[in-house]
Amino acid sequence: MEKNGLFSQRIRLRHLHTFVAVAQQGTLGRAAETLNLSQPALSKTLNELEQLTGTRLFERGRLGAQMTLMGEQFLTHAVKVLDALNHAGQSLNQKDGQSTTVVRVGALPTAALGILPKVIGQFHKQQSDVTLQVATMNNTMLLSGLKSGELDLGIGRMSDPELMTGLNYELLFLESLKLVVRPGHPLLHENITLSRVMEWPVVVSPKGTIPRQNAETLLVSQGCKMSATCVETLSASLSRQLTVDYNYVWFVPSGAVKEDLRQGTLTSLPVTTQGVGEPIGVLTRVDTPLSPAAQILLSSIRKSIPG
C-alpha cells in the first residue's frame, strides 16, 4: 500500500507521455523527436518511470525498444489515463447542449492508406453528422487503445493470444509485400535482381514491425543486405511521396498501394516475395457493443473488400 501511495504521488504526466511515445515509435530516438526532447532527457524520464514501477518496461537493444510483458500491461493503463484527460478537456470545450456523435478508429498506417479513404467517403454520404477520429499507429498501440476504450474499432493484425484477450478479430484480406517505384524509375529499364534493387535508396517500415520483418526475411533469403541509403518510417504518406517524386524503392504491404498500382502512379518491381501474405482484419472489443454509427462504418469497411 505504501509503495502504491508513493507511486501515485510521484508519477507525472510526462512519464506517461514518454512511455506511450516510446511504445508507439519503437525507438528512443524517434520518440524523442515526436516529443521534441533530447534523447538523454527522454531516457532519464523513462528511467525514472521504471524506478517508480519497480520493473523493466522496455528491453533496449540493437533492434530498438521492445516492450516487456509488464510494459504491455502498463501500456493499457497509461493510455487509459491519457485518454480520460483528453476526454475531460473535450467536455470542457463543448458548448452547452451540443452533442456530437464520434467514432474513433485506429489503423495501421498502410491499412489506413489502402482502405479508409474510400470507406470514409462512402460513410459520410450516409452519416454526414458523424465525426470520425482516425489515428494511425503500430499494432501494439492499436490493441491497447481498443482495450482501454480509447478506440471503438481498429484495422490491424492478429497478435499473441495474451494480447488478444477481450478482443474480436474479423479477417478482411491478406496483404503481400511489394517493392514499388515510380513509373520512370531507371530500374525498370534493366534486368532487375534484388541485389541490384538494393543499390538504390529504399523506404521501409521501422524495425520490430511485421512489414520490416518480411522485408528482412526476403533479403536474407537472397543473400542481400538493406541499402545503406534507407528511410525508416511508419508514415505511409511520406513513404508514398518519396517514391512518387524520387527514385526510392518502397517495401510496402500490397493493400496500401492497390489504387496507385491500378492508376499507374506506382509500378511494382518483378521481384518474387515469399508467403501467402499477412492477414489484416477488423478488431473490436468483446464486452462493448458498437454504437449505431460505428456499426455502419464497420459495414462500409466490409463492403470495401472484394468478395
Protein backbone atom coordinates (compact mmCIF):
# COMPACT_ATOMS: atom_id res chain seq x y z
CA MET A 1 0.00 0.00 0.00
CA GLU A 2 2.86 2.35 0.91
CA LYS A 3 4.57 1.59 -2.40
CA ASN A 4 1.38 2.33 -4.34
CA GLY A 5 0.93 5.61 -2.49
CA LEU A 6 4.48 6.68 -3.31
CA PHE A 7 3.94 5.78 -6.98
CA SER A 8 0.73 7.85 -7.13
CA GLN A 9 2.42 10.86 -5.53
CA ARG A 10 5.49 10.86 -7.77
CA ILE A 11 4.12 9.77 -11.18
CA ARG A 12 3.78 12.68 -13.61
CA LEU A 13 2.09 13.10 -17.00
CA ARG A 14 5.50 13.47 -18.64
CA HIS A 15 6.28 9.90 -17.55
CA LEU A 16 3.15 8.59 -19.26
CA HIS A 17 3.62 10.67 -22.42
CA THR A 18 7.22 9.47 -22.68
CA PHE A 19 6.30 5.84 -22.11
CA VAL A 20 3.49 5.87 -24.69
CA ALA A 21 5.67 7.65 -27.26
CA VAL A 22 8.43 5.03 -26.95
CA ALA A 23 5.84 2.23 -27.19
CA GLN A 24 4.39 3.78 -30.34
CA GLN A 25 7.63 4.72 -32.08
CA GLY A 26 9.70 1.67 -31.16
CA THR A 27 12.95 3.55 -30.51
CA LEU A 28 14.02 6.22 -28.03
CA GLY A 29 15.37 8.40 -30.85
CA ARG A 30 12.09 8.59 -32.77
CA ALA A 31 10.11 9.05 -29.55
CA ALA A 32 12.36 11.97 -28.56
CA GLU A 33 11.75 13.63 -31.94
CA THR A 34 7.99 13.17 -31.54
CA LEU A 35 8.02 14.83 -28.09
CA ASN A 36 10.58 17.48 -29.14
CA LEU A 37 13.00 16.29 -26.45
CA SER A 38 16.66 15.36 -26.45
CA GLN A 39 17.28 11.62 -26.26
CA PRO A 40 19.16 11.89 -22.92
CA ALA A 41 16.20 13.79 -21.42
CA LEU A 42 13.74 11.19 -22.66
CA SER A 43 15.93 8.34 -21.42
CA LYS A 44 16.13 9.98 -17.98
CA THR A 45 12.32 10.26 -17.77
CA LEU A 46 11.91 6.63 -18.84
CA ASN A 47 14.43 5.51 -16.21
CA GLU A 48 12.50 7.48 -13.57
CA LEU A 49 9.29 5.71 -14.57
CA GLU A 50 10.92 2.28 -14.37
CA GLN A 51 12.24 3.14 -10.90
CA LEU A 52 8.74 4.19 -9.84
CA THR A 53 7.16 1.00 -11.20
CA GLY A 54 9.98 -1.16 -9.87
CA THR A 55 10.25 -3.11 -13.13
CA ARG A 56 11.69 -3.01 -16.63
CA LEU A 57 9.13 -1.72 -19.10
CA PHE A 58 11.38 -1.94 -22.18
CA GLU A 59 14.33 -4.01 -23.28
CA ARG A 60 16.70 -1.68 -25.13
CA GLY A 61 18.86 -3.21 -27.81
CA ARG A 62 20.07 -3.07 -31.40
CA LEU A 63 16.51 -3.53 -32.69
CA GLY A 64 15.13 -0.63 -30.65
CA ALA A 65 12.98 -0.63 -27.52
CA GLN A 66 10.92 -3.81 -27.15
CA MET A 67 8.19 -3.79 -24.50
CA THR A 68 8.39 -6.38 -21.73
CA LEU A 69 5.28 -8.24 -20.57
CA MET A 70 4.95 -5.75 -17.70
CA GLY A 71 5.34 -2.95 -20.20
CA GLU A 72 2.45 -4.33 -22.28
CA GLN A 73 0.27 -4.42 -19.17
CA PHE A 74 1.26 -0.92 -18.07
CA LEU A 75 0.58 0.48 -21.56
CA THR A 76 -3.14 -0.27 -21.27
CA HIS A 77 -3.36 1.79 -18.06
CA ALA A 78 -1.18 4.64 -19.36
CA VAL A 79 -3.30 5.03 -22.49
CA LYS A 80 -6.49 4.94 -20.41
CA VAL A 81 -5.26 7.76 -18.14
CA LEU A 82 -4.19 9.99 -21.04
CA ASP A 83 -7.42 9.30 -22.89
CA ALA A 84 -9.51 10.19 -19.82
CA LEU A 85 -7.71 13.53 -19.54
CA ASN A 86 -8.25 14.17 -23.25
CA HIS A 87 -11.99 13.49 -22.91
CA ALA A 88 -12.14 15.75 -19.87
CA GLY A 89 -10.61 18.56 -21.89
CA GLN A 90 -13.02 17.98 -24.77
CA SER A 91 -16.03 18.07 -22.44
CA LEU A 92 -14.92 21.44 -21.05
CA ASN A 93 -14.65 22.87 -24.56
CA GLN A 94 -18.02 21.53 -25.71
CA LYS A 95 -20.81 24.08 -25.85
CA ASP A 96 -23.89 23.60 -23.68
CA GLY A 97 -26.49 21.38 -25.32
CA GLN A 98 -24.14 20.47 -28.17
CA SER A 99 -23.80 16.74 -28.75
CA THR A 100 -21.64 15.23 -31.48
CA THR A 101 -21.53 11.57 -32.44
CA VAL A 102 -17.91 10.47 -32.65
CA VAL A 103 -16.47 7.17 -33.92
CA ARG A 104 -12.82 6.58 -33.03
CA VAL A 105 -10.78 4.39 -35.38
CA GLY A 106 -7.21 3.13 -35.10
CA ALA A 107 -5.43 1.68 -38.12
CA LEU A 108 -2.03 0.52 -39.24
CA PRO A 109 -0.55 3.30 -41.43
CA THR A 110 -0.57 1.23 -44.62
CA ALA A 111 -4.06 -0.11 -43.92
CA ALA A 112 -5.33 3.44 -43.43
CA LEU A 113 -3.88 4.50 -46.77
CA GLY A 114 -5.26 1.50 -48.61
CA ILE A 115 -8.75 1.14 -47.11
CA LEU A 116 -10.01 4.19 -45.30
CA PRO A 117 -10.20 6.99 -47.93
CA LYS A 118 -12.86 5.15 -49.97
CA VAL A 119 -14.64 3.86 -46.86
CA ILE A 120 -14.82 7.29 -45.21
CA GLY A 121 -16.18 8.90 -48.37
CA GLN A 122 -18.98 6.35 -48.60
CA PHE A 123 -19.68 6.51 -44.86
CA HIS A 124 -20.17 10.29 -44.79
CA LYS A 125 -22.66 10.12 -47.66
CA GLN A 126 -24.90 8.22 -45.22
CA GLN A 127 -23.76 9.75 -41.93
CA SER A 128 -22.97 13.40 -42.56
CA ASP A 129 -23.44 14.34 -38.89
CA VAL A 130 -20.84 11.92 -37.51
CA THR A 131 -17.27 12.91 -36.66
CA LEU A 132 -14.59 10.30 -37.40
CA GLN A 133 -11.39 10.43 -35.37
CA VAL A 134 -8.76 8.38 -37.21
CA ALA A 135 -5.34 7.63 -35.72
CA THR A 136 -2.56 5.66 -37.38
CA MET A 137 -0.39 3.58 -35.05
CA ASN A 138 1.52 0.36 -34.70
CA ASN A 139 -0.32 -2.83 -33.83
CA THR A 140 0.62 -2.86 -30.14
CA MET A 141 -0.79 0.63 -29.63
CA LEU A 142 -3.90 -0.31 -31.59
CA LEU A 143 -4.66 -3.28 -29.34
CA SER A 144 -4.04 -1.23 -26.20
CA GLY A 145 -6.26 1.59 -27.48
CA LEU A 146 -9.11 -0.83 -28.04
CA LYS A 147 -8.77 -2.45 -24.61
CA SER A 148 -8.64 0.90 -22.82
CA GLY A 149 -11.70 2.19 -24.67
CA GLU A 150 -9.73 4.90 -26.48
CA LEU A 151 -10.77 3.34 -29.81
CA ASP A 152 -14.11 1.95 -31.00
CA LEU A 153 -12.65 -0.27 -33.69
CA GLY A 154 -9.30 -0.96 -35.30
CA ILE A 155 -7.83 -2.22 -38.55
CA GLY A 156 -4.77 -4.28 -37.76
CA ARG A 157 -3.22 -7.69 -37.26
CA MET A 158 -3.87 -10.68 -35.03
CA SER A 159 -1.33 -10.80 -32.21
CA ASP A 160 -0.20 -13.17 -29.46
CA PRO A 161 -3.12 -14.76 -27.53
CA GLU A 162 -2.42 -12.86 -24.30
CA LEU A 163 -2.63 -9.54 -26.17
CA MET A 164 -5.89 -10.52 -27.90
CA THR A 165 -7.80 -11.17 -24.66
CA GLY A 166 -11.12 -9.32 -24.74
CA LEU A 167 -10.95 -8.56 -28.46
CA ASN A 168 -12.77 -9.84 -31.54
CA TYR A 169 -10.88 -10.27 -34.82
CA GLU A 170 -12.52 -10.48 -38.26
CA LEU A 171 -10.29 -11.20 -41.27
CA LEU A 172 -10.60 -8.71 -44.13
CA PHE A 173 -7.84 -9.72 -46.55
CA LEU A 174 -4.28 -10.99 -46.93
CA GLU A 175 -1.66 -8.48 -47.98
CA SER A 176 1.67 -9.41 -49.53
CA LEU A 177 4.93 -7.48 -49.59
CA LYS A 178 5.61 -5.48 -52.75
CA LEU A 179 8.57 -3.44 -53.96
CA VAL A 180 7.24 -0.40 -55.81
CA VAL A 181 8.78 2.54 -57.68
CA ARG A 182 7.64 5.48 -59.79
CA PRO A 183 6.88 4.62 -63.46
CA GLY A 184 10.01 6.39 -64.74
CA HIS A 185 12.45 4.72 -62.35
CA PRO A 186 15.74 3.68 -64.07
CA LEU A 187 15.44 0.17 -62.59
CA LEU A 188 12.56 -0.55 -64.96
CA HIS A 189 14.91 -0.34 -67.95
CA GLU A 190 17.27 -3.11 -66.85
CA ASN A 191 17.37 -6.71 -65.69
CA ILE A 192 16.04 -6.50 -62.14
CA THR A 193 17.55 -8.54 -59.30
CA LEU A 194 17.14 -7.92 -55.60
CA SER A 195 20.85 -7.21 -55.18
CA ARG A 196 20.57 -4.57 -57.92
CA VAL A 197 17.50 -3.08 -56.24
CA MET A 198 19.47 -2.68 -53.01
CA GLU A 199 21.89 -0.33 -54.78
CA TRP A 200 19.08 2.26 -54.79
CA PRO A 201 17.67 4.20 -51.81
CA VAL A 202 14.78 2.41 -50.11
CA VAL A 203 11.86 3.23 -47.82
CA VAL A 204 10.94 0.62 -45.20
CA SER A 205 8.91 0.32 -42.01
CA PRO A 206 10.82 0.58 -38.69
CA LYS A 207 12.40 -2.46 -37.07
CA GLY A 208 10.02 -4.51 -34.98
CA THR A 209 7.09 -4.14 -37.41
CA ILE A 210 5.71 -7.03 -39.49
CA PRO A 211 6.42 -5.34 -42.89
CA ARG A 212 10.04 -4.78 -41.81
CA GLN A 213 10.39 -8.39 -40.67
CA ASN A 214 9.05 -9.55 -44.04
CA ALA A 215 11.49 -7.28 -45.87
CA GLU A 216 14.44 -8.57 -43.81
CA THR A 217 13.37 -12.18 -44.41
CA LEU A 218 13.24 -11.57 -48.16
CA LEU A 219 16.71 -10.00 -48.18
CA VAL A 220 18.25 -12.80 -46.12
CA SER A 221 16.68 -15.46 -48.37
CA GLN A 222 18.51 -13.98 -51.37
CA GLY A 223 21.76 -13.13 -49.63
CA CYS A 224 21.23 -9.37 -49.73
CA LYS A 225 21.61 -6.57 -47.22
CA MET A 226 19.47 -3.49 -46.68
CA SER A 227 20.52 -0.46 -48.71
CA ALA A 228 22.77 1.96 -46.85
CA THR A 229 20.57 4.78 -48.17
CA CYS A 230 17.47 3.92 -46.18
CA VAL A 231 14.50 5.80 -44.76
CA GLU A 232 12.71 4.06 -41.87
CA THR A 233 9.25 5.44 -41.20
CA LEU A 234 5.73 4.47 -40.15
CA SER A 235 4.34 7.31 -42.25
CA ALA A 236 2.67 5.83 -45.33
CA SER A 237 2.10 9.31 -46.79
CA LEU A 238 5.80 10.23 -46.53
CA SER A 239 6.82 6.86 -47.98
CA ARG A 240 4.44 7.30 -50.90
CA GLN A 241 5.62 10.85 -51.63
CA LEU A 242 9.29 9.85 -51.61
CA THR A 243 8.52 7.01 -54.02
CA VAL A 244 6.32 9.03 -56.37
CA ASP A 245 8.68 12.01 -56.60
CA TYR A 246 12.13 10.42 -56.29
CA ASN A 247 13.99 7.19 -57.09
CA TYR A 248 13.21 5.40 -53.83
CA VAL A 249 12.15 1.75 -53.74
CA TRP A 250 9.30 1.26 -51.26
CA PHE A 251 8.90 -2.07 -49.39
CA VAL A 252 5.16 -1.87 -48.78
CA PRO A 253 2.16 -4.11 -47.96
CA SER A 254 0.11 -4.56 -51.11
CA GLY A 255 -3.12 -3.11 -49.71
CA ALA A 256 -1.56 0.33 -49.29
CA VAL A 257 -0.69 0.73 -52.98
CA LYS A 258 -3.60 -1.07 -54.65
CA GLU A 259 -5.06 2.14 -56.11
CA ASP A 260 -1.66 3.58 -57.06
CA LEU A 261 -0.81 0.42 -58.98
CA ARG A 262 -4.21 0.40 -60.68
CA GLN A 263 -3.90 4.03 -61.73
CA GLY A 264 -0.26 3.70 -62.78
CA THR A 265 1.02 6.21 -60.20
CA LEU A 266 3.39 3.50 -58.93
CA THR A 267 4.79 0.35 -60.53
CA SER A 268 5.57 -2.97 -58.84
CA LEU A 269 9.02 -4.42 -59.46
CA PRO A 270 9.05 -8.05 -60.70
CA VAL A 271 10.74 -9.34 -57.55
CA THR A 272 9.31 -12.55 -56.11
CA THR A 273 8.39 -12.31 -52.45
CA GLN A 274 7.62 -15.16 -50.06
CA GLY A 275 4.48 -16.42 -48.32
CA VAL A 276 0.76 -16.06 -48.95
CA GLY A 277 0.52 -12.70 -47.24
CA GLU A 278 -0.18 -11.19 -43.82
CA PRO A 279 -3.78 -11.20 -42.54
CA ILE A 280 -5.36 -7.79 -41.95
CA GLY A 281 -8.65 -7.59 -40.08
CA VAL A 282 -11.11 -5.53 -38.05
CA LEU A 283 -10.68 -5.55 -34.28
CA THR A 284 -13.41 -4.70 -31.75
CA ARG A 285 -14.00 -5.23 -28.04
CA VAL A 286 -15.87 -8.34 -26.92
CA ASP A 287 -17.68 -6.73 -23.99
CA THR A 288 -18.72 -3.43 -25.60
CA PRO A 289 -21.30 -3.27 -28.40
CA LEU A 290 -20.60 -0.85 -31.23
CA SER A 291 -22.65 2.32 -31.48
CA PRO A 292 -25.05 2.53 -34.46
CA ALA A 293 -22.64 4.86 -36.27
CA ALA A 294 -19.68 2.52 -35.65
CA GLN A 295 -21.74 -0.41 -36.93
CA ILE A 296 -22.44 1.48 -40.16
CA LEU A 297 -18.72 2.24 -40.51
CA LEU A 298 -17.88 -1.43 -39.97
CA SER A 299 -20.39 -2.36 -42.68
CA SER A 300 -18.74 0.13 -45.06
CA ILE A 301 -15.33 -1.43 -44.34
CA ARG A 302 -16.66 -4.92 -45.11
CA LYS A 303 -18.25 -3.76 -48.36
CA SER A 304 -14.98 -2.15 -49.49
CA ILE A 305 -13.22 -5.53 -49.59
CA PRO A 306 -13.83 -7.53 -52.81
CA GLY A 307 -15.58 -10.83 -52.09
